[in-house]
């Protein structure tokens, strides 16, 4: 019920529909979980994959 109250407070219909879509998607599929370490240092994953000894794709 509190989400309905917040939905009414969103200023435009476009934003309101977007927020409602995110809430419904999270209810069906669950929340997206991201490691905070990867958010703080996003380049580390790219550097680690570049340093691997796999053959390049040509």
PDB file of N, CA and C in Angstrom:
ATOM      1  N   UNK A   1       0.812  -1.186   0.000  1.00  0.00           N
ATOM      2  CA  UNK A   1       0.000   0.000   0.000  1.00  0.00           C
ATOM      3  C   UNK A   1       0.866   1.265   0.000  1.00  0.00           C
ATOM      4  N   UNK A   2       1.983   1.228   0.697  1.00  0.00           N
ATOM      5  CA  UNK A   2       2.835   2.418   0.723  1.00  0.00           C
ATOM      6  C   UNK A   2       3.432   2.705  -0.646  1.00  0.00           C
ATOM      7  N   UNK A   3       3.625   1.680  -1.467  1.00  0.00           N
ATOM      8  CA  UNK A   3       4.148   1.914  -2.820  1.00  0.00           C
ATOM      9  C   UNK A   3       3.148   2.684  -3.667  1.00  0.00           C
ATOM     10  N   UNK A   4       1.875   2.421  -3.468  1.00  0.00           N
ATOM     11  CA  UNK A   4       0.846   3.159  -4.186  1.00  0.00           C
ATOM     12  C   UNK A   4       0.882   4.633  -3.850  1.00  0.00           C
ATOM     13  N   UNK A   5       1.119   4.944  -2.593  1.00  0.00           N
ATOM     14  CA  UNK A   5       1.241   6.335  -2.170  1.00  0.00           C
ATOM     15  C   UNK A   5       2.433   6.995  -2.860  1.00  0.00           C
ATOM     16  N   UNK A   6       3.568   6.300  -2.881  1.00  0.00           N
ATOM     17  CA  UNK A   6       4.759   6.847  -3.528  1.00  0.00           C
ATOM     18  C   UNK A   6       4.563   6.967  -5.040  1.00  0.00           C
ATOM     19  N   UNK A   7       3.835   6.046  -5.610  1.00  0.00           N
ATOM     20  CA  UNK A   7       3.573   6.089  -7.053  1.00  0.00           C
ATOM     21  C   UNK A   7       2.768   7.345  -7.411  1.00  0.00           C
ATOM     22  N   UNK A   8       1.851   7.734  -6.550  1.00  0.00           N
ATOM     23  CA  UNK A   8       1.056   8.938  -6.806  1.00  0.00           C
ATOM     24  C   UNK A   8       1.895  10.212  -6.695  1.00  0.00           C
ATOM     25  N   UNK A   9       3.007  10.140  -5.969  1.00  0.00           N
ATOM     26  CA  UNK A   9       3.849  11.316  -5.782  1.00  0.00           C
ATOM     27  C   UNK A   9       4.831  11.542  -6.939  1.00  0.00           C
ATOM     28  N   UNK A  10       4.981  10.566  -7.830  1.00  0.00           N
ATOM     29  CA  UNK A  10       5.901  10.712  -8.969  1.00  0.00           C
ATOM     30  C   UNK A  10       5.301  11.735  -9.932  1.00  0.00           C
ATOM     31  N   UNK A  11       6.104  12.716 -10.385  1.00  0.00           N
ATOM     32  CA  UNK A  11       5.550  13.859 -11.108  1.00  0.00           C
ATOM     33  C   UNK A  11       4.927  13.590 -12.484  1.00  0.00           C
ATOM     34  N   UNK A  12       5.496  12.752 -13.320  1.00  0.00           N
ATOM     35  CA  UNK A  12       4.925  12.575 -14.667  1.00  0.00           C
ATOM     36  C   UNK A  12       4.469  11.131 -14.869  1.00  0.00           C
ATOM     37  N   UNK A  13       3.589  10.931 -15.848  1.00  0.00           N
ATOM     38  CA  UNK A  13       3.074   9.593 -16.135  1.00  0.00           C
ATOM     39  C   UNK A  13       4.189   8.688 -16.646  1.00  0.00           C
ATOM     40  N   UNK A  14       5.083   9.254 -17.450  1.00  0.00           N
ATOM     41  CA  UNK A  14       6.184   8.452 -17.993  1.00  0.00           C
ATOM     42  C   UNK A  14       7.049   7.897 -16.866  1.00  0.00           C
ATOM     43  N   UNK A  15       7.426   8.748 -15.943  1.00  0.00           N
ATOM     44  CA  UNK A  15       8.241   8.301 -14.803  1.00  0.00           C
ATOM     45  C   UNK A  15       7.478   7.349 -13.916  1.00  0.00           C
ATOM     46  N   UNK A  16       6.206   7.626 -13.737  1.00  0.00           N
ATOM     47  CA  UNK A  16       5.366   6.774 -12.902  1.00  0.00           C
ATOM     48  C   UNK A  16       5.298   5.356 -13.468  1.00  0.00           C
ATOM     49  N   UNK A  17       5.107   5.259 -14.777  1.00  0.00           N
ATOM     50  CA  UNK A  17       5.057   3.942 -15.424  1.00  0.00           C
ATOM     51  C   UNK A  17       6.410   3.248 -15.335  1.00  0.00           C
ATOM     52  N   UNK A  18       7.489   4.005 -15.486  1.00  0.00           N
ATOM     53  CA  UNK A  18       8.834   3.436 -15.399  1.00  0.00           C
ATOM     54  C   UNK A  18       9.100   2.872 -13.999  1.00  0.00           C
ATOM     55  N   UNK A  19       8.728   3.630 -12.956  1.00  0.00           N
ATOM     56  CA  UNK A  19       8.923   3.165 -11.577  1.00  0.00           C
ATOM     57  C   UNK A  19       8.066   1.934 -11.306  1.00  0.00           C
ATOM     58  N   UNK A  20       6.829   1.962 -11.741  1.00  0.00           N
ATOM     59  CA  UNK A  20       5.940   0.822 -11.548  1.00  0.00           C
ATOM     60  C   UNK A  20       6.475  -0.423 -12.253  1.00  0.00           C
ATOM     61  N   UNK A  21       7.032  -0.251 -13.445  1.00  0.00           N
ATOM     62  CA  UNK A  21       7.619  -1.371 -14.184  1.00  0.00           C
ATOM     63  C   UNK A  21       8.799  -1.971 -13.435  1.00  0.00           C
ATOM     64  N   UNK A  22       9.645  -1.126 -12.872  1.00  0.00           N
ATOM     65  CA  UNK A  22      10.793  -1.621 -12.105  1.00  0.00           C
ATOM     66  C   UNK A  22      10.319  -2.395 -10.886  1.00  0.00           C
ATOM     67  N   UNK A  23       9.312  -1.886 -10.183  1.00  0.00           N
ATOM     68  CA  UNK A  23       8.790  -2.575  -9.002  1.00  0.00           C
ATOM     69  C   UNK A  23       8.193  -3.939  -9.369  1.00  0.00           C
ATOM     70  N   UNK A  24       7.441  -3.968 -10.453  1.00  0.00           N
ATOM     71  CA  UNK A  24       6.828  -5.238 -10.861  1.00  0.00           C
ATOM     72  C   UNK A  24       7.884  -6.244 -11.329  1.00  0.00           C
ATOM     73  N   UNK A  25       8.887  -5.771 -12.040  1.00  0.00           N
ATOM     74  CA  UNK A  25       9.956  -6.664 -12.494  1.00  0.00           C
ATOM     75  C   UNK A  25      10.725  -7.222 -11.312  1.00  0.00           C
ATOM     76  N   UNK A  26      10.980  -6.392 -10.312  1.00  0.00           N
ATOM     77  CA  UNK A  26      11.680  -6.860  -9.117  1.00  0.00           C
ATOM     78  C   UNK A  26      10.835  -7.870  -8.350  1.00  0.00           C
ATOM     79  N   UNK A  27       9.515  -7.690  -8.355  1.00  0.00           N
ATOM     80  CA  UNK A  27       8.638  -8.634  -7.667  1.00  0.00           C
ATOM     81  C   UNK A  27       8.635 -10.001  -8.350  1.00  0.00           C
ATOM     82  N   UNK A  28       8.719  -9.999  -9.672  1.00  0.00           N
ATOM     83  CA  UNK A  28       8.673 -11.255 -10.426  1.00  0.00           C
ATOM     84  C   UNK A  28      10.036 -11.939 -10.463  1.00  0.00           C
ATOM     85  N   UNK A  29      11.095 -11.198 -10.781  1.00  0.00           N
ATOM     86  CA  UNK A  29      12.408 -11.791 -10.997  1.00  0.00           C
ATOM     87  C   UNK A  29      13.373 -11.633  -9.830  1.00  0.00           C
ATOM     88  N   UNK A  30      13.008 -10.892  -8.830  1.00  0.00           N
ATOM     89  CA  UNK A  30      13.914 -10.654  -7.709  1.00  0.00           C
ATOM     90  C   UNK A  30      14.771  -9.424  -7.986  1.00  0.00           C
ATOM     91  N   UNK A  31      15.521  -9.049  -6.987  1.00  0.00           N
ATOM     92  CA  UNK A  31      16.354  -7.857  -7.109  1.00  0.00           C
ATOM     93  C   UNK A  31      17.681  -8.197  -7.755  1.00  0.00           C
ATOM     94  N   UNK A  32      18.261  -7.217  -8.432  1.00  0.00           N
ATOM     95  CA  UNK A  32      19.607  -7.353  -8.963  1.00  0.00           C
ATOM     96  C   UNK A  32      20.597  -7.131  -7.836  1.00  0.00           C
ATOM     97  N   UNK A  33      21.505  -8.040  -7.657  1.00  0.00           N
ATOM     98  CA  UNK A  33      22.514  -7.889  -6.619  1.00  0.00           C
ATOM     99  C   UNK A  33      23.868  -7.700  -7.268  1.00  0.00           C
ATOM    100  N   UNK A  34      24.589  -6.685  -6.835  1.00  0.00           N
ATOM    101  CA  UNK A  34      25.904  -6.381  -7.376  1.00  0.00           C
ATOM    102  C   UNK A  34      26.863  -6.235  -6.208  1.00  0.00           C
ATOM    103  N   UNK A  35      28.019  -6.827  -6.350  1.00  0.00           N
ATOM    104  CA  UNK A  35      29.039  -6.689  -5.324  1.00  0.00           C
ATOM    105  C   UNK A  35      29.491  -5.242  -5.241  1.00  0.00           C
ATOM    106  N   UNK A  36      29.575  -4.712  -4.030  1.00  0.00           N
ATOM    107  CA  UNK A  36      30.014  -3.327  -3.876  1.00  0.00           C
ATOM    108  C   UNK A  36      31.460  -3.148  -4.320  1.00  0.00           C
ATOM    109  N   UNK A  37      32.272  -4.193  -4.193  1.00  0.00           N
ATOM    110  CA  UNK A  37      33.658  -4.099  -4.642  1.00  0.00           C
ATOM    111  C   UNK A  37      33.719  -3.860  -6.147  1.00  0.00           C
ATOM    112  N   UNK A  38      32.859  -4.502  -6.905  1.00  0.00           N
ATOM    113  CA  UNK A  38      32.876  -4.299  -8.352  1.00  0.00           C
ATOM    114  C   UNK A  38      32.348  -2.928  -8.736  1.00  0.00           C
ATOM    115  N   UNK A  39      31.511  -2.350  -7.916  1.00  0.00           N
ATOM    116  CA  UNK A  39      31.008  -1.013  -8.189  1.00  0.00           C
ATOM    117  C   UNK A  39      32.088   0.027  -7.884  1.00  0.00           C
ATOM    118  N   UNK A  40      32.863  -0.215  -6.853  1.00  0.00           N
ATOM    119  CA  UNK A  40      33.897   0.741  -6.471  1.00  0.00           C
ATOM    120  C   UNK A  40      35.105   0.669  -7.395  1.00  0.00           C
ATOM    121  N   UNK A  41      35.398  -0.510  -7.936  1.00  0.00           N
ATOM    122  CA  UNK A  41      36.556  -0.679  -8.822  1.00  0.00           C
ATOM    123  C   UNK A  41      36.133  -1.459 -10.071  1.00  0.00           C
ATOM    124  N   UNK A  42      35.366  -0.851 -10.959  1.00  0.00           N
ATOM    125  CA  UNK A  42      34.841  -1.582 -12.116  1.00  0.00           C
ATOM    126  C   UNK A  42      35.914  -2.002 -13.108  1.00  0.00           C
ATOM    127  N   UNK A  43      37.043  -1.322 -13.147  1.00  0.00           N
ATOM    128  CA  UNK A  43      38.094  -1.633 -14.118  1.00  0.00           C
ATOM    129  C   UNK A  43      38.836  -2.922 -13.784  1.00  0.00           C
ATOM    130  N   UNK A  44      38.803  -3.366 -12.518  1.00  0.00           N
ATOM    131  CA  UNK A  44      39.548  -4.557 -12.106  1.00  0.00           C
ATOM    132  C   UNK A  44      39.170  -5.801 -12.918  1.00  0.00           C
ATOM    133  N   UNK A  45      37.901  -5.963 -13.235  1.00  0.00           N
ATOM    134  CA  UNK A  45      37.469  -7.134 -14.009  1.00  0.00           C
ATOM    135  C   UNK A  45      38.057  -7.107 -15.422  1.00  0.00           C
ATOM    136  N   UNK A  46      38.120  -5.935 -16.025  1.00  0.00           N
ATOM    137  CA  UNK A  46      38.678  -5.820 -17.371  1.00  0.00           C
ATOM    138  C   UNK A  46      40.190  -6.060 -17.378  1.00  0.00           C
ATOM    139  N   UNK A  47      40.866  -5.537 -16.368  1.00  0.00           N
ATOM    140  CA  UNK A  47      42.317  -5.731 -16.274  1.00  0.00           C
ATOM    141  C   UNK A  47      42.631  -7.203 -16.045  1.00  0.00           C
ATOM    142  N   UNK A  48      41.862  -7.863 -15.197  1.00  0.00           N
ATOM    143  CA  UNK A  48      42.087  -9.282 -14.918  1.00  0.00           C
ATOM    144  C   UNK A  48      41.866 -10.125 -16.176  1.00  0.00           C
ATOM    145  N   UNK A  49      40.846  -9.799 -16.959  1.00  0.00           N
ATOM    146  CA  UNK A  49      40.603 -10.589 -18.171  1.00  0.00           C
ATOM    147  C   UNK A  49      41.646 -10.286 -19.248  1.00  0.00           C
ATOM    148  N   UNK A  50      42.160  -9.083 -19.279  1.00  0.00           N
ATOM    149  CA  UNK A  50      43.209  -8.747 -20.248  1.00  0.00           C
ATOM    150  C   UNK A  50      44.525  -9.419 -19.908  1.00  0.00           C
ATOM    151  N   UNK A  51      44.756  -9.646 -18.624  1.00  0.00           N
ATOM    152  CA  UNK A  51      46.009 -10.278 -18.193  1.00  0.00           C
ATOM    153  C   UNK A  51      45.980 -11.800 -18.297  1.00  0.00           C
ATOM    154  N   UNK A  52      44.799 -12.361 -18.598  1.00  0.00           N
ATOM    155  CA  UNK A  52      44.723 -13.816 -18.700  1.00  0.00           C
ATOM    156  C   UNK A  52      45.500 -14.296 -19.926  1.00  0.00           C
ATOM    157  N   UNK A  53      45.861 -15.550 -19.937  1.00  0.00           N
ATOM    158  CA  UNK A  53      46.712 -16.093 -21.011  1.00  0.00           C
ATOM    159  C   UNK A  53      45.907 -16.774 -22.103  1.00  0.00           C
ATOM    160  N   UNK A  54      44.653 -16.416 -22.248  1.00  0.00           N
ATOM    161  CA  UNK A  54      43.833 -16.996 -23.308  1.00  0.00           C
ATOM    162  C   UNK A  54      44.216 -16.359 -24.647  1.00  0.00           C
ATOM    163  N   UNK A  55      43.997 -17.112 -25.720  1.00  0.00           N
ATOM    164  CA  UNK A  55      44.280 -16.589 -27.058  1.00  0.00           C
ATOM    165  C   UNK A  55      43.261 -15.509 -27.415  1.00  0.00           C
ATOM    166  N   UNK A  56      43.698 -14.459 -28.063  1.00  0.00           N
ATOM    167  CA  UNK A  56      42.755 -13.402 -28.469  1.00  0.00           C
ATOM    168  C   UNK A  56      41.810 -13.903 -29.564  1.00  0.00           C
ATOM    169  N   UNK A  57      40.628 -13.333 -29.595  1.00  0.00           N
ATOM    170  CA  UNK A  57      39.650 -13.698 -30.627  1.00  0.00           C
ATOM    171  C   UNK A  57      39.891 -12.844 -31.865  1.00  0.00           C
ATOM    172  N   UNK A  58      40.181 -13.504 -32.989  1.00  0.00           N
ATOM    173  CA  UNK A  58      40.405 -12.771 -34.246  1.00  0.00           C
ATOM    174  C   UNK A  58      39.448 -13.228 -35.279  1.00  0.00           C
TER     175      UNK A  58
END
